[in-house]
Amino acid sequence: MSNQDLEHQACEACGVSAEMGFIIKENDDVAEVQIFANGKTALLAELNNYLALAKEVNVNFKHETNEISEDSQQLTARIEFECSAEKLIFELRSRSIAK
């Protein structure tokens, strides 16, 4: 037997595919969401969509956001889950929310 480095490739046989770039790492349980909209009301409305999705993944999530003013156009939210897998599920499912 030889010690050769093997190159891992995604397999598309039988309808199977792999999403590269998603690896579950220990203690990687915080998702960061960037939201862009015109004004505080629109930003918070969009944030509520992400929080509703986070609640579907696990009701025991925590979140924090940067401070925003009435004329802000960007909001950054950090959503913490209980484990890395929940974060990954959230990130994959939140693709349908992102515009």
N, C-alpha and C. Protein backbone atom coordinates (compact mmCIF):
# COMPACT_ATOMS: atom_id res chain seq x y z
N MET A 1 0.84 -1.18 0.00
CA MET A 1 0.00 0.00 0.00
C MET A 1 0.88 1.24 0.00
N SER A 2 0.52 2.23 -0.78
CA SER A 2 1.32 3.45 -0.83
C SER A 2 0.58 4.58 -0.12
N ASN A 3 1.34 5.54 0.33
CA ASN A 3 0.76 6.72 0.99
C ASN A 3 0.66 7.84 -0.02
N GLN A 4 -0.34 7.81 -0.84
CA GLN A 4 -0.54 8.85 -1.84
C GLN A 4 -1.64 9.79 -1.39
N ASP A 5 -1.46 11.07 -1.70
CA ASP A 5 -2.53 12.02 -1.43
C ASP A 5 -3.61 11.84 -2.47
N LEU A 6 -4.81 11.66 -2.02
CA LEU A 6 -5.93 11.49 -2.94
C LEU A 6 -6.67 12.80 -3.07
N GLU A 7 -7.03 13.13 -4.28
CA GLU A 7 -7.80 14.34 -4.53
C GLU A 7 -9.28 13.97 -4.45
N HIS A 8 -10.02 14.64 -3.57
CA HIS A 8 -11.44 14.35 -3.42
C HIS A 8 -12.22 15.15 -4.45
N GLN A 9 -13.11 14.49 -5.13
CA GLN A 9 -13.91 15.14 -6.16
C GLN A 9 -15.38 14.88 -5.88
N ALA A 10 -16.20 15.84 -6.27
CA ALA A 10 -17.64 15.67 -6.12
C ALA A 10 -18.13 14.66 -7.14
N CYS A 11 -19.05 13.84 -6.75
CA CYS A 11 -19.58 12.80 -7.62
C CYS A 11 -21.00 13.18 -8.03
N GLU A 12 -21.25 13.13 -9.32
CA GLU A 12 -22.59 13.46 -9.79
C GLU A 12 -23.32 12.22 -10.30
N ALA A 13 -22.78 11.05 -9.98
CA ALA A 13 -23.41 9.80 -10.41
C ALA A 13 -24.72 9.59 -9.67
N CYS A 14 -25.64 9.05 -10.33
CA CYS A 14 -26.94 8.68 -9.74
C CYS A 14 -27.65 9.86 -9.09
N GLY A 15 -27.45 11.06 -9.59
CA GLY A 15 -28.14 12.23 -9.05
C GLY A 15 -27.56 12.75 -7.76
N VAL A 16 -26.40 12.26 -7.37
CA VAL A 16 -25.77 12.71 -6.13
C VAL A 16 -24.82 13.85 -6.46
N SER A 17 -24.87 14.91 -5.69
CA SER A 17 -23.93 16.01 -5.88
C SER A 17 -23.48 16.51 -4.53
N ALA A 18 -22.39 17.21 -4.51
CA ALA A 18 -21.85 17.73 -3.25
C ALA A 18 -21.74 19.24 -3.35
N GLU A 19 -22.01 19.92 -2.28
CA GLU A 19 -21.85 21.36 -2.18
C GLU A 19 -20.50 21.62 -1.56
N MET A 20 -19.57 22.12 -2.31
CA MET A 20 -18.22 22.34 -1.81
C MET A 20 -18.21 23.61 -0.96
N GLY A 21 -17.38 23.61 0.04
CA GLY A 21 -17.25 24.79 0.87
C GLY A 21 -18.01 24.71 2.17
N PHE A 22 -18.83 23.72 2.35
CA PHE A 22 -19.56 23.57 3.61
C PHE A 22 -18.98 22.40 4.38
N ILE A 23 -18.28 22.70 5.42
CA ILE A 23 -17.69 21.69 6.28
C ILE A 23 -18.13 22.01 7.70
N ILE A 24 -18.60 21.02 8.40
CA ILE A 24 -19.03 21.22 9.77
C ILE A 24 -17.78 21.22 10.65
N LYS A 25 -17.57 22.31 11.34
CA LYS A 25 -16.42 22.44 12.24
C LYS A 25 -16.93 22.58 13.67
N GLU A 26 -16.18 22.07 14.59
CA GLU A 26 -16.54 22.17 16.00
C GLU A 26 -16.54 23.64 16.42
N ASN A 27 -17.53 24.03 17.20
CA ASN A 27 -17.70 25.39 17.72
C ASN A 27 -17.93 26.43 16.64
N ASP A 28 -18.36 26.02 15.47
CA ASP A 28 -18.70 26.95 14.40
C ASP A 28 -20.22 27.03 14.34
N ASP A 29 -20.79 27.70 15.33
CA ASP A 29 -22.24 27.68 15.47
C ASP A 29 -22.90 29.06 15.34
N VAL A 30 -22.15 30.04 14.82
CA VAL A 30 -22.69 31.39 14.67
C VAL A 30 -22.76 31.75 13.19
N ALA A 31 -23.96 32.05 12.72
CA ALA A 31 -24.16 32.50 11.34
C ALA A 31 -24.23 34.02 11.34
N GLU A 32 -23.56 34.63 10.38
CA GLU A 32 -23.61 36.09 10.25
C GLU A 32 -24.41 36.43 9.00
N VAL A 33 -25.38 37.31 9.17
CA VAL A 33 -26.27 37.69 8.09
C VAL A 33 -26.12 39.18 7.83
N GLN A 34 -25.92 39.54 6.58
CA GLN A 34 -25.87 40.95 6.17
C GLN A 34 -27.16 41.27 5.44
N ILE A 35 -27.86 42.29 5.89
CA ILE A 35 -29.13 42.68 5.28
C ILE A 35 -28.99 44.11 4.77
N PHE A 36 -29.46 44.33 3.56
CA PHE A 36 -29.43 45.66 2.96
C PHE A 36 -30.86 46.06 2.61
N ALA A 37 -31.27 47.24 3.07
CA ALA A 37 -32.61 47.76 2.78
C ALA A 37 -32.60 49.25 3.10
N ASN A 38 -33.64 49.94 2.71
CA ASN A 38 -33.74 51.38 2.95
C ASN A 38 -34.51 51.67 4.21
N GLY A 39 -33.80 51.96 5.29
CA GLY A 39 -34.44 52.38 6.53
C GLY A 39 -34.58 51.27 7.55
N LYS A 40 -34.74 51.71 8.79
CA LYS A 40 -34.82 50.80 9.92
C LYS A 40 -35.99 49.83 9.82
N THR A 41 -37.14 50.33 9.42
CA THR A 41 -38.33 49.48 9.34
C THR A 41 -38.14 48.34 8.35
N ALA A 42 -37.60 48.66 7.18
CA ALA A 42 -37.37 47.63 6.16
C ALA A 42 -36.30 46.64 6.61
N LEU A 43 -35.26 47.13 7.26
CA LEU A 43 -34.21 46.25 7.76
C LEU A 43 -34.75 45.27 8.80
N LEU A 44 -35.55 45.77 9.73
CA LEU A 44 -36.10 44.92 10.78
C LEU A 44 -37.10 43.91 10.21
N ALA A 45 -37.86 44.33 9.20
CA ALA A 45 -38.81 43.40 8.56
C ALA A 45 -38.05 42.25 7.90
N GLU A 46 -36.95 42.57 7.23
CA GLU A 46 -36.14 41.53 6.60
C GLU A 46 -35.47 40.65 7.65
N LEU A 47 -35.00 41.25 8.74
CA LEU A 47 -34.40 40.48 9.83
C LEU A 47 -35.40 39.48 10.40
N ASN A 48 -36.65 39.88 10.52
CA ASN A 48 -37.67 38.98 11.06
C ASN A 48 -37.83 37.72 10.21
N ASN A 49 -37.61 37.82 8.88
CA ASN A 49 -37.66 36.63 8.03
C ASN A 49 -36.56 35.65 8.42
N TYR A 50 -35.35 36.17 8.67
CA TYR A 50 -34.24 35.31 9.08
C TYR A 50 -34.47 34.72 10.47
N LEU A 51 -35.03 35.51 11.37
CA LEU A 51 -35.28 35.01 12.73
C LEU A 51 -36.36 33.94 12.73
N ALA A 52 -37.34 34.08 11.87
CA ALA A 52 -38.39 33.05 11.76
C ALA A 52 -37.78 31.74 11.25
N LEU A 53 -36.87 31.85 10.30
CA LEU A 53 -36.21 30.66 9.80
C LEU A 53 -35.33 30.04 10.87
N ALA A 54 -34.60 30.86 11.62
CA ALA A 54 -33.76 30.35 12.71
C ALA A 54 -34.62 29.60 13.73
N LYS A 55 -35.80 30.12 14.00
CA LYS A 55 -36.70 29.47 14.96
C LYS A 55 -37.17 28.11 14.45
N GLU A 56 -37.33 27.98 13.12
CA GLU A 56 -37.70 26.69 12.54
C GLU A 56 -36.58 25.67 12.72
N VAL A 57 -35.34 26.14 12.66
CA VAL A 57 -34.19 25.25 12.81
C VAL A 57 -34.04 24.83 14.27
N ASN A 58 -34.11 25.80 15.18
CA ASN A 58 -34.01 25.51 16.62
C ASN A 58 -34.53 26.72 17.39
N VAL A 59 -35.54 26.52 18.20
CA VAL A 59 -36.13 27.64 18.94
C VAL A 59 -35.18 28.22 19.98
N ASN A 60 -34.12 27.51 20.30
CA ASN A 60 -33.18 27.98 21.32
C ASN A 60 -32.01 28.77 20.74
N PHE A 61 -32.22 29.47 19.64
CA PHE A 61 -31.16 30.28 19.07
C PHE A 61 -31.06 31.62 19.81
N LYS A 62 -29.91 32.27 19.69
CA LYS A 62 -29.71 33.61 20.24
C LYS A 62 -29.27 34.50 19.09
N HIS A 63 -29.57 35.79 19.19
CA HIS A 63 -29.12 36.70 18.13
C HIS A 63 -28.77 38.06 18.69
N GLU A 64 -27.92 38.74 17.93
CA GLU A 64 -27.58 40.12 18.24
C GLU A 64 -27.38 40.86 16.92
N THR A 65 -27.63 42.15 16.93
CA THR A 65 -27.47 42.96 15.73
C THR A 65 -26.67 44.20 16.06
N ASN A 66 -26.11 44.80 15.01
CA ASN A 66 -25.45 46.09 15.21
C ASN A 66 -26.53 47.15 15.40
N GLU A 67 -26.16 48.26 15.95
CA GLU A 67 -27.13 49.35 16.15
C GLU A 67 -27.47 49.97 14.81
N ILE A 68 -28.75 50.27 14.63
CA ILE A 68 -29.19 50.90 13.39
C ILE A 68 -30.02 52.14 13.71
N SER A 69 -29.97 53.10 12.80
CA SER A 69 -30.76 54.32 12.95
C SER A 69 -31.92 54.27 11.94
N GLU A 70 -32.75 55.29 11.99
CA GLU A 70 -33.92 55.33 11.11
C GLU A 70 -33.54 55.34 9.63
N ASP A 71 -32.37 55.88 9.30
CA ASP A 71 -31.97 55.97 7.89
C ASP A 71 -30.87 54.98 7.51
N SER A 72 -30.64 53.97 8.35
CA SER A 72 -29.63 52.95 8.05
C SER A 72 -30.01 52.17 6.80
N GLN A 73 -28.98 51.67 6.11
CA GLN A 73 -29.21 50.88 4.91
C GLN A 73 -28.61 49.49 5.01
N GLN A 74 -27.96 49.21 6.13
CA GLN A 74 -27.34 47.89 6.32
C GLN A 74 -27.50 47.45 7.77
N LEU A 75 -27.72 46.16 7.95
CA LEU A 75 -27.82 45.57 9.27
C LEU A 75 -27.03 44.27 9.26
N THR A 76 -26.23 44.07 10.29
CA THR A 76 -25.49 42.82 10.44
C THR A 76 -26.03 42.11 11.67
N ALA A 77 -26.45 40.89 11.48
CA ALA A 77 -26.98 40.08 12.59
C ALA A 77 -26.11 38.85 12.76
N ARG A 78 -25.87 38.49 14.00
CA ARG A 78 -25.17 37.25 14.34
C ARG A 78 -26.18 36.35 15.03
N ILE A 79 -26.38 35.16 14.47
CA ILE A 79 -27.35 34.22 15.00
C ILE A 79 -26.60 32.99 15.49
N GLU A 80 -26.72 32.71 16.79
CA GLU A 80 -26.00 31.60 17.40
C GLU A 80 -26.94 30.43 17.65
N PHE A 81 -26.50 29.26 17.19
CA PHE A 81 -27.26 28.03 17.37
C PHE A 81 -26.59 27.16 18.42
N GLU A 82 -27.21 26.05 18.76
CA GLU A 82 -26.65 25.16 19.77
C GLU A 82 -25.55 24.26 19.21
N CYS A 83 -25.51 24.07 17.89
CA CYS A 83 -24.46 23.24 17.30
C CYS A 83 -24.19 23.68 15.86
N SER A 84 -23.07 23.23 15.35
CA SER A 84 -22.63 23.59 14.00
C SER A 84 -23.60 23.12 12.92
N ALA A 85 -24.18 21.95 13.11
CA ALA A 85 -25.10 21.42 12.10
C ALA A 85 -26.31 22.31 11.92
N GLU A 86 -26.82 22.88 13.01
CA GLU A 86 -27.97 23.78 12.92
C GLU A 86 -27.60 25.03 12.14
N LYS A 87 -26.40 25.54 12.37
CA LYS A 87 -25.93 26.71 11.62
C LYS A 87 -25.89 26.39 10.13
N LEU A 88 -25.38 25.23 9.80
CA LEU A 88 -25.28 24.83 8.40
C LEU A 88 -26.67 24.71 7.77
N ILE A 89 -27.60 24.10 8.48
CA ILE A 89 -28.97 23.99 7.98
C ILE A 89 -29.56 25.37 7.75
N PHE A 90 -29.37 26.27 8.70
CA PHE A 90 -29.87 27.64 8.57
C PHE A 90 -29.28 28.32 7.34
N GLU A 91 -27.97 28.22 7.17
CA GLU A 91 -27.32 28.88 6.04
C GLU A 91 -27.82 28.34 4.70
N LEU A 92 -28.01 27.04 4.62
CA LEU A 92 -28.52 26.47 3.37
C LEU A 92 -29.96 26.89 3.12
N ARG A 93 -30.79 26.88 4.13
CA ARG A 93 -32.19 27.25 3.95
C ARG A 93 -32.39 28.75 3.74
N SER A 94 -31.46 29.56 4.28
CA SER A 94 -31.61 31.02 4.15
C SER A 94 -31.31 31.52 2.76
N ARG A 95 -30.79 30.67 1.91
CA ARG A 95 -30.54 31.08 0.52
C ARG A 95 -31.83 31.49 -0.17
N SER A 96 -32.95 30.92 0.23
CA SER A 96 -34.23 31.27 -0.38
C SER A 96 -34.71 32.64 0.07
N ILE A 97 -34.20 33.15 1.19
CA ILE A 97 -34.58 34.48 1.67
C ILE A 97 -33.73 35.55 1.00
N ALA A 98 -32.44 35.28 0.84
CA ALA A 98 -31.51 36.27 0.29
C ALA A 98 -31.95 36.72 -1.09
N LYS A 99 -31.86 38.01 -1.29
CA LYS A 99 -32.29 38.57 -2.59
C LYS A 99 -31.11 39.09 -3.36
